[in-house]
Amino acid sequence: MLQEETNYRNPLNIRYIHAQTSNKDAEGPAQLLLKTARWISNNNNISRKDIRNNIELNIKLSVKFIQWIYNHKTQNWGKVFTYYNTGYYNRSINKYARNITM
């Protein structure tokens, strides 16, 4: 997923920049939205800087969100990652999700 979100390759990739922001305001290595981070953590004190620069927090909350999608929306991994990518449930699996689940 990180490769698809922010072009992460491996721990030895010295050119990788984890503190990225998308054109949709998603932050950090797993491209998590601030409102999603606050909601899934039940913590309104989390800042953009926190999820952009705290890699452990970003990954932890992203995994928690993925688990929530799986448990509450769909138990199909392709649809889970389509939801993660688009922010809404979709009956079809998009290219992003196909790249991750293959």
N, C-alpha and C. Protein backbone atom coordinates (compact mmCIF):
# COMPACT_ATOMS: atom_id res chain seq x y z
N MET A 1 0.82 -1.19 0.00
CA MET A 1 0.00 0.00 0.00
C MET A 1 0.87 1.26 0.00
N LEU A 2 1.94 1.25 0.81
CA LEU A 2 2.79 2.44 0.86
C LEU A 2 3.45 2.71 -0.48
N GLN A 3 3.76 1.66 -1.20
CA GLN A 3 4.35 1.86 -2.53
C GLN A 3 3.35 2.58 -3.43
N GLU A 4 2.12 2.17 -3.38
CA GLU A 4 1.09 2.78 -4.22
C GLU A 4 0.79 4.21 -3.77
N GLU A 5 0.77 4.45 -2.46
CA GLU A 5 0.43 5.77 -1.93
C GLU A 5 1.55 6.79 -2.13
N THR A 6 2.77 6.42 -1.75
CA THR A 6 3.85 7.42 -1.74
C THR A 6 5.16 6.94 -2.36
N ASN A 7 5.09 5.88 -3.16
CA ASN A 7 6.25 5.38 -3.88
C ASN A 7 7.32 4.79 -2.96
N TYR A 8 6.91 4.28 -1.81
CA TYR A 8 7.85 3.61 -0.90
C TYR A 8 8.33 2.32 -1.55
N ARG A 9 9.63 2.07 -1.50
CA ARG A 9 10.19 0.85 -2.08
C ARG A 9 10.69 -0.11 -1.01
N ASN A 10 11.54 0.38 -0.13
CA ASN A 10 12.11 -0.45 0.93
C ASN A 10 12.85 0.45 1.92
N PRO A 11 13.26 -0.09 3.07
CA PRO A 11 13.91 0.76 4.08
C PRO A 11 15.23 1.39 3.62
N LEU A 12 15.82 0.85 2.57
CA LEU A 12 17.10 1.38 2.09
C LEU A 12 16.94 2.46 1.03
N ASN A 13 15.72 2.80 0.71
CA ASN A 13 15.43 3.82 -0.30
C ASN A 13 15.68 5.20 0.32
N ILE A 14 16.88 5.72 0.15
CA ILE A 14 17.25 6.98 0.81
C ILE A 14 16.56 8.19 0.18
N ARG A 15 15.98 8.04 -0.98
CA ARG A 15 15.29 9.16 -1.63
C ARG A 15 13.82 9.26 -1.23
N TYR A 16 13.35 8.30 -0.47
CA TYR A 16 11.94 8.29 -0.05
C TYR A 16 11.66 9.44 0.91
N ILE A 17 10.58 10.15 0.67
CA ILE A 17 10.16 11.25 1.55
C ILE A 17 8.82 10.85 2.15
N HIS A 18 8.82 10.57 3.45
CA HIS A 18 7.59 10.10 4.11
C HIS A 18 6.59 11.24 4.35
N ALA A 19 7.08 12.45 4.51
CA ALA A 19 6.23 13.58 4.87
C ALA A 19 5.63 14.22 3.62
N GLN A 20 4.76 13.47 2.96
CA GLN A 20 4.14 13.95 1.73
C GLN A 20 2.69 14.33 2.00
N THR A 21 2.19 15.28 1.22
CA THR A 21 0.79 15.68 1.27
C THR A 21 0.23 15.58 -0.14
N SER A 22 -0.93 14.92 -0.26
CA SER A 22 -1.54 14.77 -1.59
C SER A 22 -2.33 16.02 -1.96
N ASN A 23 -2.79 16.04 -3.18
CA ASN A 23 -3.63 17.16 -3.62
C ASN A 23 -5.03 17.10 -2.98
N LYS A 24 -5.33 16.03 -2.25
CA LYS A 24 -6.59 15.90 -1.51
C LYS A 24 -6.36 16.08 -0.01
N ASP A 25 -5.17 16.57 0.38
CA ASP A 25 -4.78 16.82 1.77
C ASP A 25 -4.58 15.56 2.61
N ALA A 26 -4.32 14.44 1.97
CA ALA A 26 -3.93 13.24 2.70
C ALA A 26 -2.46 13.38 3.07
N GLU A 27 -2.11 12.91 4.26
CA GLU A 27 -0.78 13.17 4.82
C GLU A 27 0.02 11.89 5.09
N GLY A 28 1.33 12.00 4.95
CA GLY A 28 2.26 10.98 5.40
C GLY A 28 2.36 9.76 4.52
N PRO A 29 3.08 8.74 5.00
CA PRO A 29 3.38 7.57 4.17
C PRO A 29 2.16 6.79 3.70
N ALA A 30 1.10 6.73 4.52
CA ALA A 30 -0.11 6.00 4.12
C ALA A 30 -1.20 6.94 3.62
N GLN A 31 -0.85 8.22 3.44
CA GLN A 31 -1.76 9.21 2.89
C GLN A 31 -3.12 9.20 3.61
N LEU A 32 -3.07 9.52 4.87
CA LEU A 32 -4.24 9.52 5.74
C LEU A 32 -4.79 10.94 5.88
N LEU A 33 -6.09 11.08 5.75
CA LEU A 33 -6.72 12.39 5.94
C LEU A 33 -6.77 12.73 7.44
N LEU A 34 -6.62 13.99 7.75
CA LEU A 34 -6.66 14.43 9.15
C LEU A 34 -7.97 14.05 9.81
N LYS A 35 -9.09 14.29 9.13
CA LYS A 35 -10.39 13.97 9.74
C LYS A 35 -10.52 12.48 10.00
N THR A 36 -9.96 11.65 9.14
CA THR A 36 -9.99 10.19 9.36
C THR A 36 -9.10 9.81 10.53
N ALA A 37 -7.92 10.41 10.62
CA ALA A 37 -7.00 10.13 11.73
C ALA A 37 -7.64 10.49 13.06
N ARG A 38 -8.28 11.64 13.11
CA ARG A 38 -8.94 12.07 14.35
C ARG A 38 -10.10 11.16 14.70
N TRP A 39 -10.89 10.79 13.70
CA TRP A 39 -12.05 9.94 13.93
C TRP A 39 -11.64 8.55 14.39
N ILE A 40 -10.72 7.92 13.68
CA ILE A 40 -10.36 6.53 13.97
C ILE A 40 -9.60 6.42 15.30
N SER A 41 -8.93 7.50 15.70
CA SER A 41 -8.19 7.49 16.98
C SER A 41 -9.02 8.05 18.12
N ASN A 42 -10.15 8.67 17.78
CA ASN A 42 -10.99 9.35 18.78
C ASN A 42 -10.17 10.41 19.53
N ASN A 43 -9.36 11.15 18.76
CA ASN A 43 -8.48 12.16 19.34
C ASN A 43 -8.45 13.39 18.44
N ASN A 44 -9.16 14.42 18.83
CA ASN A 44 -9.21 15.65 18.02
C ASN A 44 -7.96 16.51 18.15
N ASN A 45 -7.01 16.10 18.97
CA ASN A 45 -5.78 16.86 19.14
C ASN A 45 -4.69 16.47 18.14
N ILE A 46 -4.94 15.44 17.35
CA ILE A 46 -3.96 15.05 16.33
C ILE A 46 -3.91 16.15 15.27
N SER A 47 -2.70 16.50 14.87
CA SER A 47 -2.52 17.56 13.88
C SER A 47 -2.03 16.99 12.55
N ARG A 48 -2.10 17.83 11.53
CA ARG A 48 -1.54 17.44 10.23
C ARG A 48 -0.05 17.08 10.38
N LYS A 49 0.64 17.87 11.14
CA LYS A 49 2.07 17.62 11.36
C LYS A 49 2.29 16.25 11.99
N ASP A 50 1.42 15.89 12.94
CA ASP A 50 1.53 14.57 13.59
C ASP A 50 1.44 13.44 12.57
N ILE A 51 0.40 13.48 11.74
CA ILE A 51 0.23 12.35 10.82
C ILE A 51 1.18 12.42 9.62
N ARG A 52 1.72 13.58 9.34
CA ARG A 52 2.69 13.72 8.26
C ARG A 52 4.06 13.24 8.70
N ASN A 53 4.46 13.56 9.93
CA ASN A 53 5.83 13.31 10.36
C ASN A 53 6.02 12.13 11.31
N ASN A 54 4.96 11.70 11.97
CA ASN A 54 5.07 10.56 12.88
C ASN A 54 4.68 9.30 12.11
N ILE A 55 5.70 8.64 11.57
CA ILE A 55 5.46 7.47 10.71
C ILE A 55 4.71 6.39 11.46
N GLU A 56 5.10 6.11 12.67
CA GLU A 56 4.44 5.06 13.46
C GLU A 56 2.95 5.37 13.66
N LEU A 57 2.63 6.59 14.00
CA LEU A 57 1.24 7.00 14.19
C LEU A 57 0.47 6.88 12.87
N ASN A 58 1.05 7.34 11.79
CA ASN A 58 0.40 7.30 10.48
C ASN A 58 0.05 5.86 10.09
N ILE A 59 1.01 4.97 10.24
CA ILE A 59 0.79 3.56 9.86
C ILE A 59 -0.22 2.92 10.81
N LYS A 60 -0.07 3.15 12.10
CA LYS A 60 -0.98 2.57 13.10
C LYS A 60 -2.43 2.97 12.81
N LEU A 61 -2.67 4.25 12.57
CA LEU A 61 -4.03 4.72 12.32
C LEU A 61 -4.56 4.24 10.97
N SER A 62 -3.70 4.15 9.99
CA SER A 62 -4.11 3.64 8.68
C SER A 62 -4.53 2.19 8.77
N VAL A 63 -3.76 1.39 9.49
CA VAL A 63 -4.11 -0.02 9.68
C VAL A 63 -5.41 -0.15 10.45
N LYS A 64 -5.59 0.68 11.46
CA LYS A 64 -6.84 0.67 12.23
C LYS A 64 -8.02 1.02 11.32
N PHE A 65 -7.84 1.98 10.44
CA PHE A 65 -8.89 2.37 9.50
C PHE A 65 -9.18 1.23 8.52
N ILE A 66 -8.16 0.60 8.01
CA ILE A 66 -8.33 -0.53 7.09
C ILE A 66 -9.10 -1.66 7.79
N GLN A 67 -8.75 -1.93 9.05
CA GLN A 67 -9.48 -2.95 9.81
C GLN A 67 -10.95 -2.56 9.98
N TRP A 68 -11.20 -1.27 10.24
CA TRP A 68 -12.58 -0.81 10.39
C TRP A 68 -13.36 -1.01 9.09
N ILE A 69 -12.75 -0.65 7.97
CA ILE A 69 -13.41 -0.82 6.67
C ILE A 69 -13.75 -2.30 6.47
N TYR A 70 -12.78 -3.16 6.74
CA TYR A 70 -12.99 -4.60 6.55
C TYR A 70 -14.14 -5.11 7.43
N ASN A 71 -14.16 -4.69 8.68
CA ASN A 71 -15.16 -5.17 9.63
C ASN A 71 -16.54 -4.55 9.45
N HIS A 72 -16.61 -3.31 8.94
CA HIS A 72 -17.89 -2.61 8.89
C HIS A 72 -18.45 -2.34 7.49
N LYS A 73 -17.63 -2.43 6.48
CA LYS A 73 -18.10 -2.10 5.13
C LYS A 73 -18.09 -3.31 4.19
N THR A 74 -16.98 -3.99 4.11
CA THR A 74 -16.86 -5.12 3.19
C THR A 74 -15.70 -6.01 3.63
N GLN A 75 -15.87 -7.30 3.47
CA GLN A 75 -14.79 -8.22 3.81
C GLN A 75 -14.09 -8.70 2.54
N ASN A 76 -14.09 -7.86 1.55
CA ASN A 76 -13.40 -8.11 0.29
C ASN A 76 -12.22 -7.15 0.24
N TRP A 77 -11.00 -7.69 0.20
CA TRP A 77 -9.82 -6.81 0.29
C TRP A 77 -9.73 -5.83 -0.86
N GLY A 78 -10.13 -6.22 -2.04
CA GLY A 78 -10.13 -5.28 -3.16
C GLY A 78 -11.03 -4.10 -2.89
N LYS A 79 -12.22 -4.38 -2.35
CA LYS A 79 -13.16 -3.31 -2.04
C LYS A 79 -12.71 -2.51 -0.83
N VAL A 80 -12.02 -3.16 0.11
CA VAL A 80 -11.46 -2.43 1.26
C VAL A 80 -10.51 -1.35 0.77
N PHE A 81 -9.59 -1.72 -0.12
CA PHE A 81 -8.60 -0.76 -0.59
C PHE A 81 -9.19 0.25 -1.58
N THR A 82 -10.24 -0.13 -2.28
CA THR A 82 -10.94 0.85 -3.10
C THR A 82 -11.56 1.91 -2.19
N TYR A 83 -12.19 1.46 -1.10
CA TYR A 83 -12.79 2.39 -0.12
C TYR A 83 -11.70 3.28 0.48
N TYR A 84 -10.57 2.67 0.86
CA TYR A 84 -9.47 3.44 1.45
C TYR A 84 -9.00 4.52 0.47
N ASN A 85 -8.91 4.17 -0.78
CA ASN A 85 -8.42 5.08 -1.80
C ASN A 85 -9.41 6.19 -2.15
N THR A 86 -10.70 5.86 -2.20
CA THR A 86 -11.69 6.83 -2.67
C THR A 86 -12.49 7.49 -1.55
N GLY A 87 -12.58 6.82 -0.40
CA GLY A 87 -13.34 7.36 0.71
C GLY A 87 -14.81 6.97 0.71
N TYR A 88 -15.20 6.10 -0.20
CA TYR A 88 -16.58 5.63 -0.20
C TYR A 88 -16.66 4.21 -0.74
N TYR A 89 -17.74 3.52 -0.35
CA TYR A 89 -17.94 2.15 -0.81
C TYR A 89 -18.28 2.14 -2.29
N ASN A 90 -17.65 1.23 -2.99
CA ASN A 90 -17.87 1.10 -4.43
C ASN A 90 -18.02 -0.39 -4.73
N ARG A 91 -18.95 -0.73 -5.58
CA ARG A 91 -19.16 -2.14 -5.93
C ARG A 91 -18.02 -2.71 -6.76
N SER A 92 -17.35 -1.86 -7.51
CA SER A 92 -16.24 -2.34 -8.34
C SER A 92 -14.91 -2.02 -7.69
N ILE A 93 -13.91 -2.78 -8.05
CA ILE A 93 -12.56 -2.62 -7.50
C ILE A 93 -11.76 -1.76 -8.47
N ASN A 94 -11.18 -0.67 -7.97
CA ASN A 94 -10.45 0.24 -8.86
C ASN A 94 -9.00 -0.23 -9.08
N LYS A 95 -8.32 0.44 -9.97
CA LYS A 95 -6.95 0.08 -10.34
C LYS A 95 -6.01 0.13 -9.13
N TYR A 96 -6.17 1.13 -8.29
CA TYR A 96 -5.37 1.26 -7.07
C TYR A 96 -5.47 -0.02 -6.25
N ALA A 97 -6.68 -0.48 -5.99
CA ALA A 97 -6.89 -1.68 -5.16
C ALA A 97 -6.36 -2.93 -5.86
N ARG A 98 -6.53 -3.02 -7.16
CA ARG A 98 -5.99 -4.18 -7.89
C ARG A 98 -4.48 -4.23 -7.78
N ASN A 99 -3.81 -3.08 -7.84
CA ASN A 99 -2.36 -3.05 -7.70
C ASN A 99 -1.91 -3.52 -6.34
N ILE A 100 -2.66 -3.21 -5.29
CA ILE A 100 -2.29 -3.58 -3.93
C ILE A 100 -2.57 -5.06 -3.66
N THR A 101 -3.67 -5.57 -4.13
CA THR A 101 -4.09 -6.92 -3.77
C THR A 101 -3.53 -8.00 -4.68
N MET A 102 -2.82 -7.63 -5.69
CA MET A 102 -2.26 -8.64 -6.60
C MET A 102 -0.94 -9.14 -6.12
